Amino acid sequence: MCFKNLPIEFDAQGRATLKGGVRDPYAFETRSLDDQADRIKDLLVRNGHIKTVDFDPVTRVAGALAFHSVVDLKERRVLETNSMATLFRGYEVILKGRDPRDAAFISSRACGVCGGVHSSTSALTMEMAFPVVPPPLGVV
């Protein structure tokens, strides 16, 4: 097998482990966004190379989807970005009152286009909601 691009290394017995220095896949950073909107508006006014880039609607997806971002064209950096789905899909209503383990099966079949994404996301949310820690290679 070829794992050149994955953060995996094999020991002498052939057991696979994550390479050192790989960040925690569940880690996140919280930041205050109170002044973020004002700072972005100020940058847009002062700098000609900072622009808003909007893709609305995004086609070839099941439902209405939009991406909005502010980019620095000179530095080639995205300063702010967000996405939104404007169509209510109703997964919350379908899954309400059911066993959480049903989420991966039901949500993956509710849409004919993006079943794999809904299944993976359901599994990840269950891992986070319950005190379940998958083995390191189960997250790759």
C-alpha atoms as a PDB file:
ATOM      1  CA  MET A   1       0.000   0.000   0.000  1.00  0.00           C
ATOM      2  CA  CYS A   2       1.075   3.574  -0.616  1.00  0.00           C
ATOM      3  CA  PHE A   3       0.573   6.059   2.236  1.00  0.00           C
ATOM      4  CA  LYS A   4       2.962   8.789   1.089  1.00  0.00           C
ATOM      5  CA  ASN A   5       0.472  11.618   1.556  1.00  0.00           C
ATOM      6  CA  LEU A   6      -1.121  10.428   4.798  1.00  0.00           C
ATOM      7  CA  PRO A   7       0.283  11.333   8.237  1.00  0.00           C
ATOM      8  CA  ILE A   8       1.023   7.648   8.958  1.00  0.00           C
ATOM      9  CA  GLU A   9       4.200   5.791   9.796  1.00  0.00           C
ATOM     10  CA  PHE A  10       4.799   2.070  10.282  1.00  0.00           C
ATOM     11  CA  ASP A  11       6.927   0.503  13.020  1.00  0.00           C
ATOM     12  CA  ALA A  12       9.157  -2.575  12.616  1.00  0.00           C
ATOM     13  CA  GLN A  13       6.184  -4.905  13.226  1.00  0.00           C
ATOM     14  CA  GLY A  14       4.125  -3.177  10.527  1.00  0.00           C
ATOM     15  CA  ARG A  15       1.732  -1.410  12.936  1.00  0.00           C
ATOM     16  CA  ALA A  16       0.527   1.940  11.670  1.00  0.00           C
ATOM     17  CA  THR A  17       0.458   5.028  13.889  1.00  0.00           C
ATOM     18  CA  LEU A  18       0.016   8.732  13.308  1.00  0.00           C
ATOM     19  CA  LYS A  19       3.207  10.662  12.673  1.00  0.00           C
ATOM     20  CA  GLY A  20       4.367  12.942  15.452  1.00  0.00           C
ATOM     21  CA  GLY A  21       3.336  16.568  15.262  1.00  0.00           C
ATOM     22  CA  VAL A  22      -0.086  15.896  13.732  1.00  0.00           C
ATOM     23  CA  ARG A  23      -2.669  18.226  15.245  1.00  0.00           C
ATOM     24  CA  ASP A  24      -5.706  16.996  17.120  1.00  0.00           C
ATOM     25  CA  PRO A  25      -8.513  16.668  14.522  1.00  0.00           C
ATOM     26  CA  TYR A  26     -11.104  17.763  17.106  1.00  0.00           C
ATOM     27  CA  ALA A  27      -9.178  20.830  18.266  1.00  0.00           C
ATOM     28  CA  PHE A  28     -10.660  24.229  17.586  1.00  0.00           C
ATOM     29  CA  GLU A  29      -9.843  27.786  18.453  1.00  0.00           C
ATOM     30  CA  THR A  30     -12.417  30.204  19.817  1.00  0.00           C
ATOM     31  CA  ARG A  31     -12.115  33.876  18.992  1.00  0.00           C
ATOM     32  CA  SER A  32     -14.222  36.907  19.692  1.00  0.00           C
ATOM     33  CA  LEU A  33     -15.902  38.120  16.522  1.00  0.00           C
ATOM     34  CA  ASP A  34     -17.252  41.348  18.012  1.00  0.00           C
ATOM     35  CA  ASP A  35     -14.819  43.654  16.215  1.00  0.00           C
ATOM     36  CA  GLN A  36     -14.222  41.390  13.201  1.00  0.00           C
ATOM     37  CA  ALA A  37     -17.025  42.828  11.038  1.00  0.00           C
ATOM     38  CA  ASP A  38     -15.932  46.424  11.679  1.00  0.00           C
ATOM     39  CA  ARG A  39     -12.304  45.558  10.927  1.00  0.00           C
ATOM     40  CA  ILE A  40     -13.243  43.894   7.629  1.00  0.00           C
ATOM     41  CA  LYS A  41     -15.402  46.868   6.582  1.00  0.00           C
ATOM     42  CA  ASP A  42     -12.512  49.230   7.359  1.00  0.00           C
ATOM     43  CA  LEU A  43     -10.107  47.122   5.281  1.00  0.00           C
ATOM     44  CA  LEU A  44     -12.533  47.069   2.353  1.00  0.00           C
ATOM     45  CA  VAL A  45     -12.749  50.874   2.371  1.00  0.00           C
ATOM     46  CA  ARG A  46      -8.996  51.534   2.767  1.00  0.00           C
ATOM     47  CA  ASN A  47      -7.482  48.900   0.486  1.00  0.00           C
ATOM     48  CA  GLY A  48      -8.252  48.376  -3.167  1.00  0.00           C
ATOM     49  CA  HIS A  49      -6.790  44.866  -3.125  1.00  0.00           C
ATOM     50  CA  ILE A  50      -9.222  43.550  -0.503  1.00  0.00           C
ATOM     51  CA  LYS A  51     -12.434  42.401  -2.159  1.00  0.00           C
ATOM     52  CA  THR A  52     -15.559  40.472  -1.357  1.00  0.00           C
ATOM     53  CA  VAL A  53     -16.004  37.257  -3.306  1.00  0.00           C
ATOM     54  CA  ASP A  54     -19.466  35.722  -3.359  1.00  0.00           C
ATOM     55  CA  PHE A  55     -20.685  32.505  -4.935  1.00  0.00           C
ATOM     56  CA  ASP A  56     -24.434  32.619  -4.606  1.00  0.00           C
ATOM     57  CA  PRO A  57     -26.024  30.313  -5.567  1.00  0.00           C
ATOM     58  CA  VAL A  58     -23.589  27.427  -5.791  1.00  0.00           C
ATOM     59  CA  THR A  59     -24.861  25.079  -8.472  1.00  0.00           C
ATOM     60  CA  ARG A  60     -24.800  21.298  -8.694  1.00  0.00           C
ATOM     61  CA  VAL A  61     -25.649  20.742  -5.053  1.00  0.00           C
ATOM     62  CA  ALA A  62     -28.923  19.533  -3.625  1.00  0.00           C
ATOM     63  CA  GLY A  63     -30.404  22.701  -2.175  1.00  0.00           C
ATOM     64  CA  ALA A  64     -29.535  26.368  -2.095  1.00  0.00           C
ATOM     65  CA  LEU A  65     -25.939  26.957  -1.007  1.00  0.00           C
ATOM     66  CA  ALA A  66     -23.861  30.140  -0.888  1.00  0.00           C
ATOM     67  CA  PHE A  67     -20.238  31.020  -0.078  1.00  0.00           C
ATOM     68  CA  HIS A  68     -19.252  34.536   0.968  1.00  0.00           C
ATOM     69  CA  SER A  69     -15.670  35.614   1.641  1.00  0.00           C
ATOM     70  CA  VAL A  70     -13.363  38.598   1.953  1.00  0.00           C
ATOM     71  CA  VAL A  71      -9.989  38.059   0.284  1.00  0.00           C
ATOM     72  CA  ASP A  72      -6.730  39.963   0.163  1.00  0.00           C
ATOM     73  CA  LEU A  73      -5.742  39.656  -3.498  1.00  0.00           C
ATOM     74  CA  LYS A  74      -2.269  41.121  -2.920  1.00  0.00           C
ATOM     75  CA  GLU A  75      -1.305  38.714  -0.118  1.00  0.00           C
ATOM     76  CA  ARG A  76      -3.415  35.874  -1.563  1.00  0.00           C
ATOM     77  CA  ARG A  77      -5.140  35.281   1.788  1.00  0.00           C
ATOM     78  CA  VAL A  78      -8.740  34.712   2.786  1.00  0.00           C
ATOM     79  CA  LEU A  79      -9.568  37.077   5.643  1.00  0.00           C
ATOM     80  CA  GLU A  80     -13.093  35.935   6.361  1.00  0.00           C
ATOM     81  CA  THR A  81     -15.369  33.312   4.915  1.00  0.00           C
ATOM     82  CA  ASN A  82     -18.681  31.668   5.614  1.00  0.00           C
ATOM     83  CA  SER A  83     -21.139  29.413   3.918  1.00  0.00           C
ATOM     84  CA  MET A  84     -24.841  29.087   4.309  1.00  0.00           C
ATOM     85  CA  ALA A  85     -27.516  26.736   3.186  1.00  0.00           C
ATOM     86  CA  THR A  86     -30.707  28.677   2.687  1.00  0.00           C
ATOM     87  CA  LEU A  87     -32.986  25.714   2.089  1.00  0.00           C
ATOM     88  CA  PHE A  88     -34.442  23.950   5.130  1.00  0.00           C
ATOM     89  CA  ARG A  89     -33.786  20.253   4.623  1.00  0.00           C
ATOM     90  CA  GLY A  90     -35.628  19.023   7.720  1.00  0.00           C
ATOM     91  CA  TYR A  91     -33.080  16.500   9.017  1.00  0.00           C
ATOM     92  CA  GLU A  92     -33.650  17.790  12.530  1.00  0.00           C
ATOM     93  CA  VAL A  93     -37.368  17.057  12.267  1.00  0.00           C
ATOM     94  CA  ILE A  94     -36.828  13.602  10.768  1.00  0.00           C
ATOM     95  CA  LEU A  95     -34.322  12.602  13.466  1.00  0.00           C
ATOM     96  CA  LYS A  96     -36.092  14.158  16.458  1.00  0.00           C
ATOM     97  CA  GLY A  97     -36.843  11.575  19.151  1.00  0.00           C
ATOM     98  CA  ARG A  98     -34.895   8.791  17.429  1.00  0.00           C
ATOM     99  CA  ASP A  99     -31.873   6.864  18.626  1.00  0.00           C
ATOM    100  CA  PRO A 100     -28.770   8.971  17.796  1.00  0.00           C
ATOM    101  CA  ARG A 101     -27.197   5.949  16.123  1.00  0.00           C
ATOM    102  CA  ASP A 102     -29.898   6.168  13.441  1.00  0.00           C
ATOM    103  CA  ALA A 103     -28.577   9.555  12.264  1.00  0.00           C
ATOM    104  CA  ALA A 104     -25.856   8.117  10.028  1.00  0.00           C
ATOM    105  CA  PHE A 105     -28.262   5.766   8.273  1.00  0.00           C
ATOM    106  CA  ILE A 106     -31.197   8.151   7.855  1.00  0.00           C
ATOM    107  CA  SER A 107     -29.326  11.340   6.954  1.00  0.00           C
ATOM    108  CA  SER A 108     -27.144   9.555   4.415  1.00  0.00           C
ATOM    109  CA  ARG A 109     -30.235   8.379   2.544  1.00  0.00           C
ATOM    110  CA  ALA A 110     -32.290  11.568   2.775  1.00  0.00           C
ATOM    111  CA  CYS A 111     -30.299  13.141  -0.054  1.00  0.00           C
ATOM    112  CA  GLY A 112     -29.315  11.336  -3.217  1.00  0.00           C
ATOM    113  CA  VAL A 113     -26.279  13.539  -3.865  1.00  0.00           C
ATOM    114  CA  CYS A 114     -24.341  13.939  -0.635  1.00  0.00           C
ATOM    115  CA  GLY A 115     -24.982  10.778   1.373  1.00  0.00           C
ATOM    116  CA  GLY A 116     -21.334  10.154   2.219  1.00  0.00           C
ATOM    117  CA  VAL A 117     -20.914  13.607   3.712  1.00  0.00           C
ATOM    118  CA  HIS A 118     -24.018  13.283   5.885  1.00  0.00           C
ATOM    119  CA  SER A 119     -22.973   9.818   7.050  1.00  0.00           C
ATOM    120  CA  SER A 120     -19.439  10.944   7.964  1.00  0.00           C
ATOM    121  CA  THR A 121     -20.704  14.065   9.705  1.00  0.00           C
ATOM    122  CA  SER A 122     -23.237  12.051  11.705  1.00  0.00           C
ATOM    123  CA  ALA A 123     -20.495   9.677  12.842  1.00  0.00           C
ATOM    124  CA  LEU A 124     -18.219  12.567  13.848  1.00  0.00           C
ATOM    125  CA  THR A 125     -20.971  14.292  15.829  1.00  0.00           C
ATOM    126  CA  MET A 126     -21.756  11.081  17.707  1.00  0.00           C
ATOM    127  CA  GLU A 127     -18.073  10.696  18.562  1.00  0.00           C
ATOM    128  CA  MET A 128     -18.071  14.239  19.922  1.00  0.00           C
ATOM    129  CA  ALA A 129     -21.413  13.948  21.753  1.00  0.00           C
ATOM    130  CA  PHE A 130     -20.578  10.689  23.490  1.00  0.00           C
ATOM    131  CA  PRO A 131     -17.257  10.186  25.259  1.00  0.00           C
ATOM    132  CA  VAL A 132     -15.937   8.116  22.346  1.00  0.00           C
ATOM    133  CA  VAL A 133     -12.377   8.514  21.144  1.00  0.00           C
ATOM    134  CA  PRO A 134     -11.673   6.659  17.913  1.00  0.00           C
ATOM    135  CA  PRO A 135      -8.247   5.095  17.399  1.00  0.00           C
ATOM    136  CA  PRO A 136      -5.755   7.479  15.750  1.00  0.00           C
ATOM    137  CA  LEU A 137      -6.030   5.825  12.350  1.00  0.00           C
ATOM    138  CA  GLY A 138      -9.820   5.905  12.575  1.00  0.00           C
ATOM    139  CA  VAL A 139      -9.711   9.685  12.154  1.00  0.00           C
ATOM    140  CA  VAL A 140      -7.459   9.745   9.080  1.00  0.00           C
END
